[in-house]
N, C-alpha and C. Protein backbone atom coordinates (compact mmCIF):
# COMPACT_ATOMS: atom_id res chain seq x y z
N MET A 1 101.00 85.60 161.13
CA MET A 1 100.05 85.46 160.06
C MET A 1 100.72 85.93 158.77
N LYS A 2 100.55 85.15 157.70
CA LYS A 2 101.17 85.44 156.41
C LYS A 2 100.32 86.41 155.61
N SER A 3 101.02 87.30 154.92
CA SER A 3 100.33 88.27 154.06
C SER A 3 100.13 87.64 152.69
N LYS A 4 99.01 87.94 152.03
CA LYS A 4 98.71 87.37 150.72
C LYS A 4 99.04 88.32 149.57
N GLY A 5 99.65 89.45 149.81
CA GLY A 5 99.96 90.41 148.76
C GLY A 5 101.45 90.65 148.66
N PHE A 6 101.82 91.60 147.77
CA PHE A 6 103.22 91.98 147.61
C PHE A 6 103.49 93.21 148.45
N THR A 7 104.71 93.26 148.93
CA THR A 7 105.09 94.46 149.67
C THR A 7 105.50 95.54 148.67
N LEU A 8 105.54 96.75 149.15
CA LEU A 8 105.93 97.87 148.30
C LEU A 8 107.36 97.69 147.79
N ILE A 9 108.24 97.17 148.60
CA ILE A 9 109.64 96.93 148.20
C ILE A 9 109.69 95.92 147.05
N GLU A 10 108.93 94.84 147.14
CA GLU A 10 108.91 93.83 146.08
C GLU A 10 108.41 94.42 144.76
N LEU A 11 107.37 95.22 144.82
CA LEU A 11 106.85 95.86 143.61
C LEU A 11 107.86 96.82 143.01
N MET A 12 108.57 97.58 143.85
CA MET A 12 109.57 98.52 143.36
C MET A 12 110.73 97.78 142.70
N VAL A 13 111.12 96.65 143.24
CA VAL A 13 112.21 95.86 142.65
C VAL A 13 111.79 95.35 141.27
N VAL A 14 110.57 94.84 141.16
CA VAL A 14 110.08 94.33 139.88
C VAL A 14 110.00 95.46 138.84
N VAL A 15 109.49 96.61 139.23
CA VAL A 15 109.40 97.74 138.31
C VAL A 15 110.80 98.20 137.89
N ALA A 16 111.74 98.20 138.81
CA ALA A 16 113.12 98.60 138.48
C ALA A 16 113.74 97.61 137.49
N ILE A 17 113.52 96.32 137.68
CA ILE A 17 114.06 95.31 136.77
C ILE A 17 113.45 95.48 135.38
N ILE A 18 112.15 95.69 135.31
CA ILE A 18 111.48 95.90 134.02
C ILE A 18 112.03 97.16 133.34
N GLY A 19 112.25 98.22 134.10
CA GLY A 19 112.81 99.45 133.54
C GLY A 19 114.21 99.25 133.00
N ILE A 20 115.04 98.49 133.71
CA ILE A 20 116.40 98.22 133.24
C ILE A 20 116.37 97.41 131.95
N LEU A 21 115.50 96.41 131.88
CA LEU A 21 115.38 95.60 130.66
C LEU A 21 114.89 96.44 129.48
N ALA A 22 113.92 97.29 129.74
CA ALA A 22 113.40 98.15 128.66
C ALA A 22 114.47 99.12 128.18
N ALA A 23 115.22 99.69 129.09
CA ALA A 23 116.26 100.65 128.71
C ALA A 23 117.38 99.97 127.94
N SER A 24 117.66 98.72 128.23
CA SER A 24 118.74 98.04 127.52
C SER A 24 118.32 97.53 126.15
N THR A 25 117.04 97.31 125.92
CA THR A 25 116.59 96.81 124.61
C THR A 25 116.14 97.92 123.67
N ALA A 26 115.84 99.11 124.17
CA ALA A 26 115.34 100.19 123.31
C ALA A 26 116.32 100.58 122.19
N PRO A 27 117.63 100.74 122.46
CA PRO A 27 118.54 101.08 121.37
C PRO A 27 118.61 99.99 120.30
N THR A 28 118.52 98.73 120.71
CA THR A 28 118.54 97.63 119.76
C THR A 28 117.32 97.67 118.85
N VAL A 29 116.16 97.94 119.42
CA VAL A 29 114.93 97.98 118.63
C VAL A 29 114.95 99.14 117.65
N THR A 30 115.39 100.31 118.07
CA THR A 30 115.43 101.45 117.15
C THR A 30 116.46 101.21 116.05
N GLY A 31 117.55 100.54 116.37
CA GLY A 31 118.53 100.20 115.35
C GLY A 31 117.96 99.24 114.32
N LEU A 32 117.13 98.32 114.76
CA LEU A 32 116.50 97.38 113.84
C LEU A 32 115.50 98.08 112.93
N ILE A 33 114.79 99.05 113.46
CA ILE A 33 113.84 99.81 112.65
C ILE A 33 114.58 100.56 111.55
N ASP A 34 115.71 101.19 111.88
CA ASP A 34 116.51 101.91 110.88
C ASP A 34 117.05 100.95 109.83
N LYS A 35 117.50 99.78 110.26
CA LYS A 35 118.00 98.78 109.30
C LYS A 35 116.89 98.30 108.38
N ALA A 36 115.70 98.13 108.91
CA ALA A 36 114.57 97.69 108.08
C ALA A 36 114.20 98.75 107.05
N LYS A 37 114.22 100.02 107.44
CA LYS A 37 113.92 101.09 106.49
C LYS A 37 114.96 101.14 105.39
N ARG A 38 116.21 100.99 105.75
CA ARG A 38 117.28 101.02 104.74
C ARG A 38 117.17 99.81 103.82
N ALA A 39 116.84 98.65 104.37
CA ALA A 39 116.67 97.45 103.54
C ALA A 39 115.51 97.63 102.56
N LYS A 40 114.44 98.27 103.00
CA LYS A 40 113.31 98.54 102.10
C LYS A 40 113.73 99.48 100.99
N ALA A 41 114.48 100.52 101.31
CA ALA A 41 114.95 101.48 100.30
C ALA A 41 115.85 100.78 99.28
N VAL A 42 116.76 99.93 99.76
CA VAL A 42 117.65 99.19 98.86
C VAL A 42 116.83 98.28 97.95
N SER A 43 115.83 97.62 98.51
CA SER A 43 114.97 96.75 97.71
C SER A 43 114.23 97.55 96.64
N GLU A 44 113.73 98.72 97.00
CA GLU A 44 113.00 99.54 96.03
C GLU A 44 113.90 100.07 94.92
N ILE A 45 115.12 100.50 95.26
CA ILE A 45 115.99 101.00 94.18
C ILE A 45 116.43 99.84 93.28
N ARG A 46 116.56 98.65 93.83
CA ARG A 46 116.87 97.49 92.98
C ARG A 46 115.70 97.16 92.07
N SER A 47 114.48 97.28 92.58
CA SER A 47 113.30 97.04 91.74
C SER A 47 113.22 98.06 90.60
N ILE A 48 113.45 99.33 90.92
CA ILE A 48 113.44 100.38 89.90
C ILE A 48 114.53 100.11 88.87
N ALA A 49 115.73 99.76 89.35
CA ALA A 49 116.85 99.50 88.44
C ALA A 49 116.56 98.30 87.55
N THR A 50 116.02 97.24 88.11
CA THR A 50 115.69 96.06 87.32
C THR A 50 114.65 96.39 86.26
N ALA A 51 113.65 97.19 86.63
CA ALA A 51 112.62 97.59 85.66
C ALA A 51 113.22 98.46 84.56
N ALA A 52 114.11 99.38 84.92
CA ALA A 52 114.75 100.24 83.91
C ALA A 52 115.62 99.42 82.97
N LEU A 53 116.35 98.45 83.51
CA LEU A 53 117.18 97.58 82.67
C LEU A 53 116.32 96.74 81.73
N ALA A 54 115.20 96.23 82.22
CA ALA A 54 114.29 95.45 81.37
C ALA A 54 113.70 96.34 80.27
N TYR A 55 113.35 97.58 80.63
CA TYR A 55 112.83 98.52 79.63
C TYR A 55 113.87 98.77 78.54
N LYS A 56 115.11 99.01 78.96
CA LYS A 56 116.16 99.27 77.96
C LYS A 56 116.40 98.04 77.10
N ASP A 57 116.36 96.87 77.71
CA ASP A 57 116.55 95.64 76.95
C ASP A 57 115.44 95.46 75.91
N ASP A 58 114.21 95.78 76.28
CA ASP A 58 113.08 95.62 75.35
C ASP A 58 113.04 96.70 74.27
N ASN A 59 113.42 97.95 74.63
CA ASN A 59 113.23 99.09 73.73
C ASN A 59 114.52 99.66 73.15
N GLY A 60 115.64 99.24 73.66
CA GLY A 60 116.92 99.73 73.15
C GLY A 60 117.34 101.09 73.67
N VAL A 61 116.51 101.75 74.46
CA VAL A 61 116.82 103.06 75.04
C VAL A 61 116.34 103.09 76.49
N TRP A 62 116.90 104.03 77.26
CA TRP A 62 116.44 104.24 78.62
C TRP A 62 115.10 104.98 78.59
N PRO A 63 114.29 104.84 79.63
CA PRO A 63 113.11 105.73 79.74
C PRO A 63 113.60 107.17 79.79
N ASP A 64 112.97 108.06 79.05
CA ASP A 64 113.45 109.43 78.93
C ASP A 64 112.87 110.30 80.05
N PRO A 65 113.70 110.74 81.00
CA PRO A 65 113.18 111.55 82.11
C PRO A 65 112.79 112.96 81.70
N THR A 66 113.19 113.40 80.50
CA THR A 66 112.90 114.77 80.09
C THR A 66 111.77 114.85 79.08
N ALA A 67 111.19 113.71 78.69
CA ALA A 67 110.19 113.71 77.62
C ALA A 67 108.96 114.55 77.98
N GLN A 68 108.57 114.57 79.23
CA GLN A 68 107.37 115.29 79.64
C GLN A 68 107.71 116.45 80.56
N GLY A 69 108.94 116.88 80.55
CA GLY A 69 109.35 117.96 81.44
C GLY A 69 109.81 117.42 82.79
N TRP A 70 110.45 118.26 83.54
CA TRP A 70 110.98 117.86 84.85
C TRP A 70 109.83 117.79 85.85
N SER A 71 109.97 116.94 86.84
CA SER A 71 108.88 116.74 87.78
C SER A 71 109.28 117.15 89.18
N ALA A 72 108.28 117.23 90.04
CA ALA A 72 108.53 117.52 91.45
C ALA A 72 109.22 116.36 92.14
N HIS A 73 109.28 115.23 91.51
CA HIS A 73 109.91 114.06 92.11
C HIS A 73 111.35 113.92 91.64
N HIS A 74 111.93 115.00 91.19
CA HIS A 74 113.35 115.08 90.87
C HIS A 74 113.84 113.94 90.00
N GLY A 75 113.21 113.78 88.86
CA GLY A 75 113.72 112.84 87.88
C GLY A 75 113.26 111.42 88.03
N ILE A 76 112.38 111.11 88.96
CA ILE A 76 111.95 109.72 89.12
C ILE A 76 110.56 109.48 88.54
N ARG A 77 109.66 110.44 88.58
CA ARG A 77 108.27 110.21 88.16
C ARG A 77 108.17 109.91 86.67
N HIS A 78 108.77 110.70 85.82
CA HIS A 78 108.60 110.49 84.38
C HIS A 78 109.23 109.19 83.89
N PRO A 79 110.44 108.81 84.33
CA PRO A 79 110.91 107.47 83.94
C PRO A 79 109.98 106.37 84.45
N LEU A 80 109.42 106.55 85.63
CA LEU A 80 108.51 105.53 86.15
C LEU A 80 107.23 105.46 85.33
N ASN A 81 106.80 106.57 84.74
CA ASN A 81 105.63 106.52 83.86
C ASN A 81 105.88 105.61 82.67
N TYR A 82 107.13 105.53 82.22
CA TYR A 82 107.47 104.60 81.16
C TYR A 82 107.46 103.16 81.67
N LEU A 83 107.81 102.97 82.92
CA LEU A 83 107.90 101.63 83.49
C LEU A 83 106.56 101.12 84.00
N MET A 84 105.59 102.03 84.19
CA MET A 84 104.27 101.68 84.68
C MET A 84 103.21 102.31 83.79
N PRO A 85 103.13 101.95 82.52
CA PRO A 85 102.19 102.62 81.62
C PRO A 85 100.74 102.37 82.04
N THR A 86 99.93 103.40 81.87
CA THR A 86 98.51 103.26 82.21
C THR A 86 97.72 102.73 81.03
N GLY A 87 98.21 102.95 79.82
CA GLY A 87 97.52 102.44 78.64
C GLY A 87 98.11 101.12 78.21
N ALA A 88 98.07 100.87 76.91
CA ALA A 88 98.66 99.65 76.39
C ALA A 88 100.16 99.75 76.50
N GLY A 89 100.76 98.74 76.97
CA GLY A 89 102.21 98.71 77.11
C GLY A 89 102.60 97.73 78.19
N LYS A 90 103.85 97.36 78.18
CA LYS A 90 104.36 96.40 79.14
C LYS A 90 104.55 97.08 80.50
N ILE A 91 104.17 96.40 81.55
CA ILE A 91 104.33 96.93 82.90
C ILE A 91 105.61 96.35 83.49
N TYR A 92 106.51 97.23 83.88
CA TYR A 92 107.79 96.82 84.44
C TYR A 92 107.81 96.93 85.96
N LEU A 93 106.99 97.81 86.52
CA LEU A 93 106.84 97.95 87.97
C LEU A 93 105.36 97.86 88.31
N THR A 94 105.05 97.29 89.47
CA THR A 94 103.64 97.15 89.85
C THR A 94 103.14 98.25 90.76
N LYS A 95 104.05 99.01 91.38
CA LYS A 95 103.62 100.13 92.23
C LYS A 95 104.67 101.22 92.22
N TYR A 96 104.21 102.46 92.41
CA TYR A 96 105.14 103.57 92.52
C TYR A 96 105.90 103.48 93.84
N PRO A 97 107.21 103.61 93.81
CA PRO A 97 108.01 103.45 95.03
C PRO A 97 108.18 104.74 95.82
N TRP A 98 107.12 105.42 96.12
CA TRP A 98 107.22 106.56 97.02
C TRP A 98 105.95 106.69 97.80
N PRO A 99 106.01 107.31 98.92
CA PRO A 99 107.21 107.92 99.50
C PRO A 99 108.23 106.86 99.89
N ASP A 100 109.46 107.29 100.13
CA ASP A 100 110.49 106.36 100.56
C ASP A 100 110.20 105.94 102.01
N PRO A 101 110.96 105.01 102.57
CA PRO A 101 110.67 104.53 103.93
C PRO A 101 110.68 105.62 105.00
N TRP A 102 111.29 106.75 104.71
CA TRP A 102 111.35 107.86 105.68
C TRP A 102 110.27 108.89 105.41
N GLY A 103 109.33 108.59 104.51
CA GLY A 103 108.21 109.48 104.24
C GLY A 103 108.51 110.63 103.31
N ASN A 104 109.60 110.55 102.56
CA ASN A 104 110.00 111.64 101.68
C ASN A 104 109.57 111.33 100.25
N ASN A 105 108.79 112.21 99.64
CA ASN A 105 108.36 112.02 98.26
C ASN A 105 109.50 112.18 97.27
N CYS A 106 110.56 112.84 97.65
CA CYS A 106 111.70 113.06 96.75
C CYS A 106 112.91 112.22 97.19
N GLY A 107 112.65 111.08 97.78
CA GLY A 107 113.74 110.28 98.34
C GLY A 107 114.51 109.47 97.33
N TYR A 108 113.95 109.23 96.14
CA TYR A 108 114.63 108.46 95.11
C TYR A 108 114.96 109.34 93.92
N ARG A 109 116.04 109.03 93.27
CA ARG A 109 116.43 109.77 92.07
C ARG A 109 116.96 108.76 91.06
N MET A 110 116.59 108.95 89.81
CA MET A 110 117.08 108.11 88.74
C MET A 110 117.85 109.01 87.77
N HIS A 111 119.10 108.70 87.55
CA HIS A 111 119.90 109.43 86.58
C HIS A 111 120.22 108.47 85.45
N LEU A 112 119.82 108.82 84.26
CA LEU A 112 120.05 107.97 83.10
C LEU A 112 121.02 108.65 82.16
N GLY A 113 121.90 107.88 81.56
CA GLY A 113 122.95 108.43 80.71
C GLY A 113 122.42 108.99 79.40
N ILE A 114 121.57 110.01 79.50
CA ILE A 114 120.97 110.66 78.34
C ILE A 114 121.52 112.07 78.29
N GLY A 115 121.85 112.54 77.11
CA GLY A 115 122.33 113.91 76.98
C GLY A 115 123.81 114.01 77.28
N PRO A 116 124.29 115.23 77.55
CA PRO A 116 125.72 115.41 77.78
C PRO A 116 126.16 114.72 79.07
N PRO A 117 127.38 114.22 79.10
CA PRO A 117 127.85 113.53 80.30
C PRO A 117 127.95 114.48 81.49
N THR A 118 127.66 113.95 82.66
CA THR A 118 127.79 114.72 83.89
C THR A 118 129.17 114.43 84.47
N TYR A 119 129.94 115.46 84.74
CA TYR A 119 131.29 115.32 85.27
C TYR A 119 132.14 114.43 84.38
N GLY A 120 131.86 114.40 83.07
CA GLY A 120 132.64 113.62 82.14
C GLY A 120 132.24 112.16 82.04
N TYR A 121 131.18 111.76 82.73
CA TYR A 121 130.75 110.37 82.75
C TYR A 121 129.29 110.26 82.33
N TYR A 122 128.93 109.11 81.79
CA TYR A 122 127.55 108.84 81.40
C TYR A 122 126.89 107.84 82.35
N HIS A 123 127.20 107.90 83.61
CA HIS A 123 126.67 106.91 84.54
C HIS A 123 125.15 106.96 84.59
N SER A 124 124.56 105.79 84.65
CA SER A 124 123.12 105.67 84.89
C SER A 124 122.96 104.95 86.22
N PHE A 125 122.12 105.51 87.09
CA PHE A 125 121.96 104.91 88.40
C PHE A 125 120.63 105.29 89.01
N VAL A 126 120.25 104.54 90.04
CA VAL A 126 119.10 104.85 90.87
C VAL A 126 119.65 105.00 92.28
N VAL A 127 119.24 106.07 92.96
CA VAL A 127 119.78 106.33 94.29
C VAL A 127 118.65 106.61 95.28
N SER A 128 118.85 106.16 96.51
CA SER A 128 117.99 106.51 97.64
C SER A 128 118.76 107.52 98.48
N ARG A 129 118.11 108.63 98.80
CA ARG A 129 118.80 109.68 99.55
C ARG A 129 118.94 109.37 101.03
N GLY A 130 118.33 108.34 101.51
CA GLY A 130 118.49 107.95 102.90
C GLY A 130 117.69 108.79 103.86
N ALA A 131 117.94 108.58 105.14
CA ALA A 131 117.16 109.25 106.18
C ALA A 131 117.40 110.75 106.21
N ASN A 132 118.62 111.19 105.87
CA ASN A 132 118.89 112.63 105.93
C ASN A 132 118.37 113.37 104.70
N ARG A 133 117.92 112.64 103.68
CA ARG A 133 117.29 113.19 102.47
C ARG A 133 118.20 114.14 101.70
N ALA A 134 119.48 114.13 101.99
CA ALA A 134 120.41 115.02 101.30
C ALA A 134 120.89 114.37 100.01
N CYS A 135 121.06 115.18 98.99
CA CYS A 135 121.58 114.70 97.71
C CYS A 135 122.57 115.74 97.20
N ASP A 136 123.65 115.91 97.94
CA ASP A 136 124.61 116.95 97.58
C ASP A 136 125.98 116.35 97.29
N CYS A 137 125.99 115.18 96.67
CA CYS A 137 127.24 114.47 96.47
C CYS A 137 127.54 114.34 94.98
N THR A 138 128.72 114.75 94.58
CA THR A 138 129.14 114.53 93.20
C THR A 138 129.83 113.18 93.05
N GLY A 139 129.98 112.47 94.14
CA GLY A 139 130.63 111.16 94.10
C GLY A 139 129.86 110.13 93.31
N TYR A 140 128.55 110.34 93.13
CA TYR A 140 127.77 109.42 92.33
C TYR A 140 128.37 109.27 90.95
N HIS A 141 128.76 110.41 90.37
CA HIS A 141 129.26 110.43 88.99
C HIS A 141 130.77 110.20 88.94
N ALA A 142 131.49 110.99 89.68
CA ALA A 142 132.93 111.02 89.53
C ALA A 142 133.65 109.90 90.27
N GLN A 143 133.09 109.44 91.38
CA GLN A 143 133.82 108.48 92.20
C GLN A 143 133.15 107.12 92.29
N ASN A 144 132.03 106.94 91.61
CA ASN A 144 131.31 105.66 91.62
C ASN A 144 130.98 105.18 93.03
N LYS A 145 130.50 106.09 93.86
CA LYS A 145 130.13 105.68 95.22
C LYS A 145 129.03 106.57 95.75
N ALA A 146 128.34 106.05 96.73
CA ALA A 146 127.31 106.82 97.41
C ALA A 146 127.96 107.63 98.52
N CYS A 147 127.26 108.66 98.98
CA CYS A 147 127.77 109.51 100.05
C CYS A 147 126.83 109.44 101.25
N GLY A 148 127.39 109.61 102.41
CA GLY A 148 126.57 109.65 103.63
C GLY A 148 125.75 108.40 103.80
N ASP A 149 124.46 108.57 104.02
CA ASP A 149 123.58 107.42 104.23
C ASP A 149 122.83 107.02 102.97
N ASP A 150 123.28 107.50 101.82
CA ASP A 150 122.64 107.16 100.55
C ASP A 150 123.00 105.73 100.12
N ASP A 151 122.10 105.12 99.36
CA ASP A 151 122.36 103.84 98.71
C ASP A 151 122.20 104.04 97.23
N ILE A 152 123.02 103.37 96.45
CA ILE A 152 123.01 103.59 95.00
C ILE A 152 123.11 102.25 94.27
N PHE A 153 122.44 102.20 93.12
CA PHE A 153 122.50 101.01 92.25
C PHE A 153 122.85 101.52 90.85
N TYR A 154 124.03 101.12 90.35
CA TYR A 154 124.47 101.56 89.03
C TYR A 154 123.88 100.66 87.95
N LEU A 155 123.40 101.29 86.89
CA LEU A 155 122.80 100.56 85.78
C LEU A 155 123.82 100.28 84.68
N GLN A 156 124.85 101.09 84.57
CA GLN A 156 125.90 100.86 83.57
C GLN A 156 127.20 101.44 84.06
């Protein structure tokens, strides 16, 4: 007489196969999530940079990060206030780009060539600090490159 169900061995084999497939695809999926977060950060710093360049083109000067004092957002909030005015004025950005894809409110930094040069250079750039949220690199100014997992967009 034939049985109409699965044996325990058959079920264990199917579960083992599903487990092997899941274990082999998990690293790929997590890698894709990290790539998507980095792509979003790169897109946001490009949007900020494009807005800052348009502002400078229209007004002849960079948005002044020191006009209203330093902020908890490490130099990004006040320039963005110039790019996203609440009153009459041209809107250069449609939304504030924080938190960054990793949930950090201080994940972006905008350095504009205002005031004395840093490390002898007047570089203007927008940077994403990446997943490690560290911003301890002088290479932004002196070596024209990002450090670690940071992404950078130079404005001049």
